Amino acid sequence: MSRWQWAFLLPLLLVVVASALVLVYQRQENRMLFVQQQELNSVRDTAEVEWGRLQLEQATLADIARVERIARDTLAMREPVPARVIITTPSGSGGQR
């Protein structure tokens, strides 16, 4: 081969090798990012399950029948007799009932 052909082929060979190395690096980076994405998807799914469980628990704890039962049983609360109920108006409104 002539000197001119080597001068042309050597940089071309270097460019091909460099692009192959970049390709290998990018594929490895993509694999690592894919694994990280799968881990994050798993964390997200676990968090969504926990969120649903917490919403269900909150709905159960805020159930009006449950609150009333605790008020009656634990705190010994009872509904007032209608004769003992006093209705007030905000001060400054000028109206009286």
PDB file of N, CA and C in Angstrom:
ATOM      1  N   MET A   1       0.839  -1.186   0.000  1.00  0.00           N
ATOM      2  CA  MET A   1       0.000   0.000   0.000  1.00  0.00           C
ATOM      3  C   MET A   1       0.878   1.241   0.000  1.00  0.00           C
ATOM      4  N   SER A   2       0.357   2.224  -0.634  1.00  0.00           N
ATOM      5  CA  SER A   2       1.139   3.453  -0.709  1.00  0.00           C
ATOM      6  C   SER A   2       0.937   4.287   0.548  1.00  0.00           C
ATOM      7  N   ARG A   3       1.798   5.230   0.699  1.00  0.00           N
ATOM      8  CA  ARG A   3       1.752   6.119   1.858  1.00  0.00           C
ATOM      9  C   ARG A   3       0.439   6.905   1.888  1.00  0.00           C
ATOM     10  N   TRP A   4      -0.049   7.296   0.730  1.00  0.00           N
ATOM     11  CA  TRP A   4      -1.302   8.049   0.645  1.00  0.00           C
ATOM     12  C   TRP A   4      -2.479   7.195   1.108  1.00  0.00           C
ATOM     13  N   GLN A   5      -2.495   5.915   0.769  1.00  0.00           N
ATOM     14  CA  GLN A   5      -3.568   5.016   1.184  1.00  0.00           C
ATOM     15  C   GLN A   5      -3.535   4.815   2.694  1.00  0.00           C
ATOM     16  N   TRP A   6      -2.345   4.644   3.272  1.00  0.00           N
ATOM     17  CA  TRP A   6      -2.224   4.515   4.739  1.00  0.00           C
ATOM     18  C   TRP A   6      -2.685   5.794   5.422  1.00  0.00           C
ATOM     19  N   ALA A   7      -2.335   6.913   4.870  1.00  0.00           N
ATOM     20  CA  ALA A   7      -2.738   8.190   5.461  1.00  0.00           C
ATOM     21  C   ALA A   7      -4.261   8.346   5.442  1.00  0.00           C
ATOM     22  N   PHE A   8      -4.905   7.719   4.508  1.00  0.00           N
ATOM     23  CA  PHE A   8      -6.363   7.773   4.415  1.00  0.00           C
ATOM     24  C   PHE A   8      -7.022   6.705   5.297  1.00  0.00           C
ATOM     25  N   LEU A   9      -6.452   5.491   5.299  1.00  0.00           N
ATOM     26  CA  LEU A   9      -7.061   4.379   6.004  1.00  0.00           C
ATOM     27  C   LEU A   9      -6.848   4.440   7.522  1.00  0.00           C
ATOM     28  N   LEU A  10      -5.723   4.915   7.978  1.00  0.00           N
ATOM     29  CA  LEU A  10      -5.441   4.945   9.419  1.00  0.00           C
ATOM     30  C   LEU A  10      -6.431   5.819  10.180  1.00  0.00           C
ATOM     31  N   PRO A  11      -6.674   7.061   9.784  1.00  0.00           N
ATOM     32  CA  PRO A  11      -7.710   7.842  10.497  1.00  0.00           C
ATOM     33  C   PRO A  11      -9.099   7.206  10.391  1.00  0.00           C
ATOM     34  N   LEU A  12      -9.393   6.614   9.240  1.00  0.00           N
ATOM     35  CA  LEU A  12     -10.680   5.948   9.068  1.00  0.00           C
ATOM     36  C   LEU A  12     -10.810   4.768  10.026  1.00  0.00           C
ATOM     37  N   LEU A  13      -9.746   3.998  10.171  1.00  0.00           N
ATOM     38  CA  LEU A  13      -9.741   2.874  11.103  1.00  0.00           C
ATOM     39  C   LEU A  13      -9.911   3.362  12.538  1.00  0.00           C
ATOM     40  N   LEU A  14      -9.248   4.452  12.895  1.00  0.00           N
ATOM     41  CA  LEU A  14      -9.381   5.017  14.246  1.00  0.00           C
ATOM     42  C   LEU A  14     -10.813   5.479  14.511  1.00  0.00           C
ATOM     43  N   VAL A  15     -11.444   6.076  13.518  1.00  0.00           N
ATOM     44  CA  VAL A  15     -12.826   6.524  13.672  1.00  0.00           C
ATOM     45  C   VAL A  15     -13.756   5.326  13.853  1.00  0.00           C
ATOM     46  N   VAL A  16     -13.542   4.255  13.112  1.00  0.00           N
ATOM     47  CA  VAL A  16     -14.378   3.062  13.228  1.00  0.00           C
ATOM     48  C   VAL A  16     -14.204   2.428  14.605  1.00  0.00           C
ATOM     49  N   VAL A  17     -12.975   2.316  15.097  1.00  0.00           N
ATOM     50  CA  VAL A  17     -12.722   1.733  16.422  1.00  0.00           C
ATOM     51  C   VAL A  17     -13.336   2.615  17.509  1.00  0.00           C
ATOM     52  N   ALA A  18     -13.174   3.933  17.387  1.00  0.00           N
ATOM     53  CA  ALA A  18     -13.743   4.848  18.382  1.00  0.00           C
ATOM     54  C   ALA A  18     -15.266   4.749  18.398  1.00  0.00           C
ATOM     55  N   SER A  19     -15.891   4.678  17.230  1.00  0.00           N
ATOM     56  CA  SER A  19     -17.346   4.580  17.202  1.00  0.00           C
ATOM     57  C   SER A  19     -17.805   3.236  17.767  1.00  0.00           C
ATOM     58  N   ALA A  20     -17.047   2.171  17.560  1.00  0.00           N
ATOM     59  CA  ALA A  20     -17.392   0.872  18.149  1.00  0.00           C
ATOM     60  C   ALA A  20     -17.309   0.940  19.669  1.00  0.00           C
ATOM     61  N   LEU A  21     -16.275   1.592  20.188  1.00  0.00           N
ATOM     62  CA  LEU A  21     -16.150   1.743  21.643  1.00  0.00           C
ATOM     63  C   LEU A  21     -17.288   2.580  22.219  1.00  0.00           C
ATOM     64  N   VAL A  22     -17.657   3.631  21.520  1.00  0.00           N
ATOM     65  CA  VAL A  22     -18.776   4.464  21.973  1.00  0.00           C
ATOM     66  C   VAL A  22     -20.062   3.649  21.958  1.00  0.00           C
ATOM     67  N   LEU A  23     -20.250   2.832  20.950  1.00  0.00           N
ATOM     68  CA  LEU A  23     -21.438   1.984  20.865  1.00  0.00           C
ATOM     69  C   LEU A  23     -21.504   1.006  22.037  1.00  0.00           C
ATOM     70  N   VAL A  24     -20.375   0.378  22.353  1.00  0.00           N
ATOM     71  CA  VAL A  24     -20.335  -0.552  23.485  1.00  0.00           C
ATOM     72  C   VAL A  24     -20.645   0.183  24.782  1.00  0.00           C
ATOM     73  N   TYR A  25     -20.077   1.367  24.964  1.00  0.00           N
ATOM     74  CA  TYR A  25     -20.340   2.160  26.174  1.00  0.00           C
ATOM     75  C   TYR A  25     -21.825   2.528  26.270  1.00  0.00           C
ATOM     76  N   GLN A  26     -22.417   2.961  25.171  1.00  0.00           N
ATOM     77  CA  GLN A  26     -23.815   3.364  25.174  1.00  0.00           C
ATOM     78  C   GLN A  26     -24.744   2.183  25.468  1.00  0.00           C
ATOM     79  N   ARG A  27     -24.424   1.012  24.916  1.00  0.00           N
ATOM     80  CA  ARG A  27     -25.257  -0.166  25.194  1.00  0.00           C
ATOM     81  C   ARG A  27     -25.188  -0.538  26.674  1.00  0.00           C
ATOM     82  N   GLN A  28     -23.998  -0.470  27.257  1.00  0.00           N
ATOM     83  CA  GLN A  28     -23.868  -0.769  28.690  1.00  0.00           C
ATOM     84  C   GLN A  28     -24.628   0.259  29.520  1.00  0.00           C
ATOM     85  N   GLU A  29     -24.520   1.518  29.136  1.00  0.00           N
ATOM     86  CA  GLU A  29     -25.241   2.579  29.845  1.00  0.00           C
ATOM     87  C   GLU A  29     -26.750   2.349  29.746  1.00  0.00           C
ATOM     88  N   ASN A  30     -27.235   1.968  28.577  1.00  0.00           N
ATOM     89  CA  ASN A  30     -28.660   1.678  28.396  1.00  0.00           C
ATOM     90  C   ASN A  30     -29.103   0.513  29.263  1.00  0.00           C
ATOM     91  N   ARG A  31     -28.277  -0.512  29.354  1.00  0.00           N
ATOM     92  CA  ARG A  31     -28.623  -1.658  30.211  1.00  0.00           C
ATOM     93  C   ARG A  31     -28.731  -1.225  31.669  1.00  0.00           C
ATOM     94  N   MET A  32     -27.778  -0.431  32.116  1.00  0.00           N
ATOM     95  CA  MET A  32     -27.785   0.020  33.514  1.00  0.00           C
ATOM     96  C   MET A  32     -29.001   0.902  33.779  1.00  0.00           C
ATOM     97  N   LEU A  33     -29.333   1.777  32.840  1.00  0.00           N
ATOM     98  CA  LEU A  33     -30.506   2.631  33.007  1.00  0.00           C
ATOM     99  C   LEU A  33     -31.796   1.811  33.000  1.00  0.00           C
ATOM    100  N   PHE A  34     -31.848   0.764  32.188  1.00  0.00           N
ATOM    101  CA  PHE A  34     -33.028  -0.092  32.156  1.00  0.00           C
ATOM    102  C   PHE A  34     -33.212  -0.805  33.496  1.00  0.00           C
ATOM    103  N   VAL A  35     -32.116  -1.310  34.054  1.00  0.00           N
ATOM    104  CA  VAL A  35     -32.189  -1.972  35.364  1.00  0.00           C
ATOM    105  C   VAL A  35     -32.653  -0.978  36.423  1.00  0.00           C
ATOM    106  N   GLN A  36     -32.113   0.236  36.373  1.00  0.00           N
ATOM    107  CA  GLN A  36     -32.527   1.265  37.333  1.00  0.00           C
ATOM    108  C   GLN A  36     -34.010   1.600  37.161  1.00  0.00           C
ATOM    109  N   GLN A  37     -34.479   1.667  35.929  1.00  0.00           N
ATOM    110  CA  GLN A  37     -35.893   1.948  35.676  1.00  0.00           C
ATOM    111  C   GLN A  37     -36.776   0.840  36.246  1.00  0.00           C
ATOM    112  N   GLN A  38     -36.368  -0.398  36.079  1.00  0.00           N
ATOM    113  CA  GLN A  38     -37.149  -1.519  36.611  1.00  0.00           C
ATOM    114  C   GLN A  38     -37.206  -1.460  38.136  1.00  0.00           C
ATOM    115  N   GLU A  39     -36.085  -1.107  38.774  1.00  0.00           N
ATOM    116  CA  GLU A  39     -36.074  -0.977  40.234  1.00  0.00           C
ATOM    117  C   GLU A  39     -37.007   0.149  40.678  1.00  0.00           C
ATOM    118  N   LEU A  40     -36.958   1.270  39.975  1.00  0.00           N
ATOM    119  CA  LEU A  40     -37.823   2.396  40.325  1.00  0.00           C
ATOM    120  C   LEU A  40     -39.291   2.060  40.078  1.00  0.00           C
ATOM    121  N   ASN A  41     -39.585   1.299  39.024  1.00  0.00           N
ATOM    122  CA  ASN A  41     -40.961   0.862  38.785  1.00  0.00           C
ATOM    123  C   ASN A  41     -41.442  -0.019  39.928  1.00  0.00           C
ATOM    124  N   SER A  42     -40.565  -0.854  40.426  1.00  0.00           N
ATOM    125  CA  SER A  42     -40.920  -1.725  41.548  1.00  0.00           C
ATOM    126  C   SER A  42     -41.199  -0.896  42.800  1.00  0.00           C
ATOM    127  N   VAL A  43     -40.371   0.112  43.043  1.00  0.00           N
ATOM    128  CA  VAL A  43     -40.587   0.995  44.196  1.00  0.00           C
ATOM    129  C   VAL A  43     -41.906   1.737  44.039  1.00  0.00           C
ATOM    130  N   ARG A  44     -42.195   2.220  42.822  1.00  0.00           N
ATOM    131  CA  ARG A  44     -43.444   2.917  42.559  1.00  0.00           C
ATOM    132  C   ARG A  44     -44.651   2.015  42.810  1.00  0.00           C
ATOM    133  N   ASP A  45     -44.565   0.784  42.318  1.00  0.00           N
ATOM    134  CA  ASP A  45     -45.671  -0.152  42.507  1.00  0.00           C
ATOM    135  C   ASP A  45     -45.897  -0.439  43.985  1.00  0.00           C
ATOM    136  N   THR A  46     -44.813  -0.611  44.734  1.00  0.00           N
ATOM    137  CA  THR A  46     -44.927  -0.837  46.173  1.00  0.00           C
ATOM    138  C   THR A  46     -45.556   0.371  46.860  1.00  0.00           C
ATOM    139  N   ALA A  47     -45.157   1.569  46.444  1.00  0.00           N
ATOM    140  CA  ALA A  47     -45.723   2.789  47.030  1.00  0.00           C
ATOM    141  C   ALA A  47     -47.207   2.925  46.692  1.00  0.00           C
ATOM    142  N   GLU A  48     -47.592   2.553  45.477  1.00  0.00           N
ATOM    143  CA  GLU A  48     -49.008   2.626  45.110  1.00  0.00           C
ATOM    144  C   GLU A  48     -49.851   1.644  45.920  1.00  0.00           C
ATOM    145  N   VAL A  49     -49.311   0.465  46.165  1.00  0.00           N
ATOM    146  CA  VAL A  49     -50.030  -0.514  46.988  1.00  0.00           C
ATOM    147  C   VAL A  49     -50.184   0.025  48.406  1.00  0.00           C
ATOM    148  N   GLU A  50     -49.108   0.599  48.940  1.00  0.00           N
ATOM    149  CA  GLU A  50     -49.152   1.172  50.294  1.00  0.00           C
ATOM    150  C   GLU A  50     -50.149   2.331  50.353  1.00  0.00           C
ATOM    151  N   TRP A  51     -50.163   3.171  49.306  1.00  0.00           N
ATOM    152  CA  TRP A  51     -51.091   4.305  49.250  1.00  0.00           C
ATOM    153  C   TRP A  51     -52.540   3.814  49.278  1.00  0.00           C
ATOM    154  N   GLY A  52     -52.824   2.788  48.496  1.00  0.00           N
ATOM    155  CA  GLY A  52     -54.175   2.222  48.496  1.00  0.00           C
ATOM    156  C   GLY A  52     -54.552   1.658  49.854  1.00  0.00           C
ATOM    157  N   ARG A  53     -53.596   0.988  50.503  1.00  0.00           N
ATOM    158  CA  ARG A  53     -53.857   0.437  51.825  1.00  0.00           C
ATOM    159  C   ARG A  53     -54.125   1.554  52.826  1.00  0.00           C
ATOM    160  N   LEU A  54     -53.344   2.630  52.747  1.00  0.00           N
ATOM    161  CA  LEU A  54     -53.537   3.758  53.664  1.00  0.00           C
ATOM    162  C   LEU A  54     -54.872   4.455  53.416  1.00  0.00           C
ATOM    163  N   GLN A  55     -55.276   4.583  52.163  1.00  0.00           N
ATOM    164  CA  GLN A  55     -56.573   5.193  51.874  1.00  0.00           C
ATOM    165  C   GLN A  55     -57.708   4.344  52.439  1.00  0.00           C
ATOM    166  N   LEU A  56     -57.591   3.049  52.292  1.00  0.00           N
ATOM    167  CA  LEU A  56     -58.604   2.145  52.839  1.00  0.00           C
ATOM    168  C   LEU A  56     -58.639   2.237  54.366  1.00  0.00           C
ATOM    169  N   GLU A  57     -57.454   2.294  54.958  1.00  0.00           N
ATOM    170  CA  GLU A  57     -57.380   2.417  56.425  1.00  0.00           C
ATOM    171  C   GLU A  57     -57.989   3.736  56.888  1.00  0.00           C
ATOM    172  N   GLN A  58     -57.695   4.816  56.168  1.00  0.00           N
ATOM    173  CA  GLN A  58     -58.252   6.117  56.530  1.00  0.00           C
ATOM    174  C   GLN A  58     -59.772   6.107  56.414  1.00  0.00           C
ATOM    175  N   ALA A  59     -60.275   5.503  55.360  1.00  0.00           N
ATOM    176  CA  ALA A  59     -61.730   5.427  55.181  1.00  0.00           C
ATOM    177  C   ALA A  59     -62.364   4.627  56.307  1.00  0.00           C
ATOM    178  N   THR A  60     -61.682   3.570  56.724  1.00  0.00           N
ATOM    179  CA  THR A  60     -62.201   2.748  57.815  1.00  0.00           C
ATOM    180  C   THR A  60     -62.187   3.524  59.131  1.00  0.00           C
ATOM    181  N   LEU A  61     -61.081   4.216  59.384  1.00  0.00           N
ATOM    182  CA  LEU A  61     -60.958   4.949  60.644  1.00  0.00           C
ATOM    183  C   LEU A  61     -61.915   6.146  60.705  1.00  0.00           C
ATOM    184  N   ALA A  62     -62.237   6.732  59.574  1.00  0.00           N
ATOM    185  CA  ALA A  62     -63.101   7.913  59.560  1.00  0.00           C
ATOM    186  C   ALA A  62     -64.572   7.547  59.412  1.00  0.00           C
ATOM    187  N   ASP A  63     -64.883   6.282  59.343  1.00  0.00           N
ATOM    188  CA  ASP A  63     -66.270   5.848  59.204  1.00  0.00           C
ATOM    189  C   ASP A  63     -67.087   6.416  60.362  1.00  0.00           C
ATOM    190  N   ILE A  64     -68.191   7.068  60.030  1.00  0.00           N
ATOM    191  CA  ILE A  64     -68.988   7.773  61.034  1.00  0.00           C
ATOM    192  C   ILE A  64     -69.542   6.829  62.093  1.00  0.00           C
ATOM    193  N   ALA A  65     -69.914   5.632  61.705  1.00  0.00           N
ATOM    194  CA  ALA A  65     -70.443   4.673  62.675  1.00  0.00           C
ATOM    195  C   ALA A  65     -69.358   4.271  63.664  1.00  0.00           C
ATOM    196  N   ARG A  66     -68.139   4.127  63.171  1.00  0.00           N
ATOM    197  CA  ARG A  66     -67.025   3.774  64.051  1.00  0.00           C
ATOM    198  C   ARG A  66     -66.733   4.902  65.035  1.00  0.00           C
ATOM    199  N   VAL A  67     -66.704   6.130  64.540  1.00  0.00           N
ATOM    200  CA  VAL A  67     -66.459   7.285  65.406  1.00  0.00           C
ATOM    201  C   VAL A  67     -67.546   7.386  66.472  1.00  0.00           C
ATOM    202  N   GLU A  68     -68.788   7.195  66.064  1.00  0.00           N
ATOM    203  CA  GLU A  68     -69.894   7.274  67.024  1.00  0.00           C
ATOM    204  C   GLU A  68     -69.786   6.156  68.069  1.00  0.00           C
ATOM    205  N   ARG A  69     -69.446   4.950  67.614  1.00  0.00           N
ATOM    206  CA  ARG A  69     -69.305   3.827  68.550  1.00  0.00           C
ATOM    207  C   ARG A  69     -68.193   4.090  69.573  1.00  0.00           C
ATOM    208  N   ILE A  70     -67.067   4.625  69.117  1.00  0.00           N
ATOM    209  CA  ILE A  70     -65.972   4.940  70.043  1.00  0.00           C
ATOM    210  C   ILE A  70     -66.401   6.031  71.013  1.00  0.00           C
ATOM    211  N   ALA A  71     -67.118   7.049  70.502  1.00  0.00           N
ATOM    212  CA  ALA A  71     -67.592   8.134  71.369  1.00  0.00           C
ATOM    213  C   ALA A  71     -68.527   7.589  72.444  1.00  0.00           C
ATOM    214  N   ARG A  72     -69.399   6.675  72.080  1.00  0.00           N
ATOM    215  CA  ARG A  72     -70.344   6.113  73.059  1.00  0.00           C
ATOM    216  C   ARG A  72     -69.648   5.164  74.033  1.00  0.00           C
ATOM    217  N   ASP A  73     -68.855   4.241  73.506  1.00  0.00           N
ATOM    218  CA  ASP A  73     -68.270   3.197  74.350  1.00  0.00           C
ATOM    219  C   ASP A  73     -67.073   3.692  75.160  1.00  0.00           C
ATOM    220  N   THR A  74     -66.134   4.289  74.501  1.00  0.00           N
ATOM    221  CA  THR A  74     -64.892   4.678  75.172  1.00  0.00           C
ATOM    222  C   THR A  74     -65.044   5.965  75.966  1.00  0.00           C
ATOM    223  N   LEU A  75     -65.694   6.960  75.372  1.00  0.00           N
ATOM    224  CA  LEU A  75     -65.787   8.269  76.018  1.00  0.00           C
ATOM    225  C   LEU A  75     -67.104   8.482  76.765  1.00  0.00           C
ATOM    226  N   ALA A  76     -67.975   7.508  76.707  1.00  0.00           N
ATOM    227  CA  ALA A  76     -69.279   7.573  77.376  1.00  0.00           C
ATOM    228  C   ALA A  76     -70.060   8.819  76.972  1.00  0.00           C
ATOM    229  N   MET A  77     -70.000   9.172  75.706  1.00  0.00           N
ATOM    230  CA  MET A  77     -70.725  10.335  75.206  1.00  0.00           C
ATOM    231  C   MET A  77     -72.127   9.917  74.779  1.00  0.00           C
ATOM    232  N   ARG A  78     -73.070  10.811  74.944  1.00  0.00           N
ATOM    233  CA  ARG A  78     -74.464  10.568  74.556  1.00  0.00           C
ATOM    234  C   ARG A  78     -74.987  11.795  73.821  1.00  0.00           C
ATOM    235  N   GLU A  79     -76.044  11.604  73.033  1.00  0.00           N
ATOM    236  CA  GLU A  79     -76.670  12.736  72.370  1.00  0.00           C
ATOM    237  C   GLU A  79     -77.413  13.551  73.430  1.00  0.00           C
ATOM    238  N   PRO A  80     -77.348  14.877  73.328  1.00  0.00           N
ATOM    239  CA  PRO A  80     -78.044  15.697  74.317  1.00  0.00           C
ATOM    240  C   PRO A  80     -79.560  15.636  74.100  1.00  0.00           C
ATOM    241  N   VAL A  81     -80.271  15.837  75.192  1.00  0.00           N
ATOM    242  CA  VAL A  81     -81.730  15.900  75.115  1.00  0.00           C
ATOM    243  C   VAL A  81     -82.085  17.208  74.424  1.00  0.00           C
ATOM    244  N   PRO A  82     -83.053  17.192  73.502  1.00  0.00           N
ATOM    245  CA  PRO A  82     -83.387  18.408  72.756  1.00  0.00           C
ATOM    246  C   PRO A  82     -83.681  19.613  73.653  1.00  0.00           C
ATOM    247  N   ALA A  83     -84.208  19.405  74.831  1.00  0.00           N
ATOM    248  CA  ALA A  83     -84.517  20.523  75.720  1.00  0.00           C
ATOM    249  C   ALA A  83     -83.248  21.203  76.229  1.00  0.00           C
ATOM    250  N   ARG A  84     -82.121  20.507  76.209  1.00  0.00           N
ATOM    251  CA  ARG A  84     -80.866  21.078  76.721  1.00  0.00           C
ATOM    252  C   ARG A  84     -80.005  21.695  75.621  1.00  0.00           C
ATOM    253  N   VAL A  85     -80.467  21.653  74.380  1.00  0.00           N
ATOM    254  CA  VAL A  85     -79.700  22.214  73.267  1.00  0.00           C
ATOM    255  C   VAL A  85     -79.945  23.707  73.209  1.00  0.00           C
ATOM    256  N   ILE A  86     -78.865  24.477  73.177  1.00  0.00           N
ATOM    257  CA  ILE A  86     -78.947  25.931  73.077  1.00  0.00           C
ATOM    258  C   ILE A  86     -78.299  26.344  71.751  1.00  0.00           C
ATOM    259  N   ILE A  87     -79.037  27.083  70.954  1.00  0.00           N
ATOM    260  CA  ILE A  87     -78.520  27.555  69.671  1.00  0.00           C
ATOM    261  C   ILE A  87     -78.137  29.009  69.840  1.00  0.00           C
ATOM    262  N   THR A  88     -76.901  29.317  69.484  1.00  0.00           N
ATOM    263  CA  THR A  88     -76.417  30.701  69.635  1.00  0.00           C
ATOM    264  C   THR A  88     -76.094  31.266  68.253  1.00  0.00           C
ATOM    265  N   THR A  89     -76.033  32.577  68.176  1.00  0.00           N
ATOM    266  CA  THR A  89     -75.625  33.231  66.944  1.00  0.00           C
ATOM    267  C   THR A  89     -74.307  33.932  67.204  1.00  0.00           C
ATOM    268  N   PRO A  90     -73.554  34.179  66.162  1.00  0.00           N
ATOM    269  CA  PRO A  90     -72.277  34.877  66.350  1.00  0.00           C
ATOM    270  C   PRO A  90     -72.502  36.255  66.928  1.00  0.00           C
ATOM    271  N   SER A  91     -71.617  36.694  67.794  1.00  0.00           N
ATOM    272  CA  SER A  91     -71.774  38.007  68.400  1.00  0.00           C
ATOM    273  C   SER A  91     -71.610  39.086  67.336  1.00  0.00           C
ATOM    274  N   GLY A  92     -72.337  40.167  67.491  1.00  0.00           N
ATOM    275  CA  GLY A  92     -72.272  41.257  66.544  1.00  0.00           C
ATOM    276  C   GLY A  92     -73.246  41.142  65.400  1.00  0.00           C
ATOM    277  N   SER A  93     -73.988  40.035  65.322  1.00  0.00           N
ATOM    278  CA  SER A  93     -74.923  39.891  64.205  1.00  0.00           C
ATOM    279  C   SER A  93     -76.202  40.678  64.446  1.00  0.00           C
ATOM    280  N   GLY A  94     -76.472  41.006  65.706  1.00  0.00           N
ATOM    281  CA  GLY A  94     -77.631  41.846  66.013  1.00  0.00           C
ATOM    282  C   GLY A  94     -78.920  41.077  66.146  1.00  0.00           C
ATOM    283  N   GLY A  95     -79.000  39.893  65.621  1.00  0.00           N
ATOM    284  CA  GLY A  95     -80.258  39.147  65.689  1.00  0.00           C
ATOM    285  C   GLY A  95     -80.285  38.216  66.895  1.00  0.00           C
ATOM    286  N   GLN A  96     -81.473  38.012  67.442  1.00  0.00           N
ATOM    287  CA  GLN A  96     -81.614  37.091  68.550  1.00  0.00           C
ATOM    288  C   GLN A  96     -82.653  36.055  68.200  1.00  0.00           C
ATOM    289  N   ARG A  97     -82.494  34.883  68.734  1.00  0.00           N
ATOM    290  CA  ARG A  97     -83.450  33.802  68.490  1.00  0.00           C
ATOM    291  C   ARG A  97     -84.199  33.499  69.725  1.00  0.00           C
TER     292      ARG A  97
END
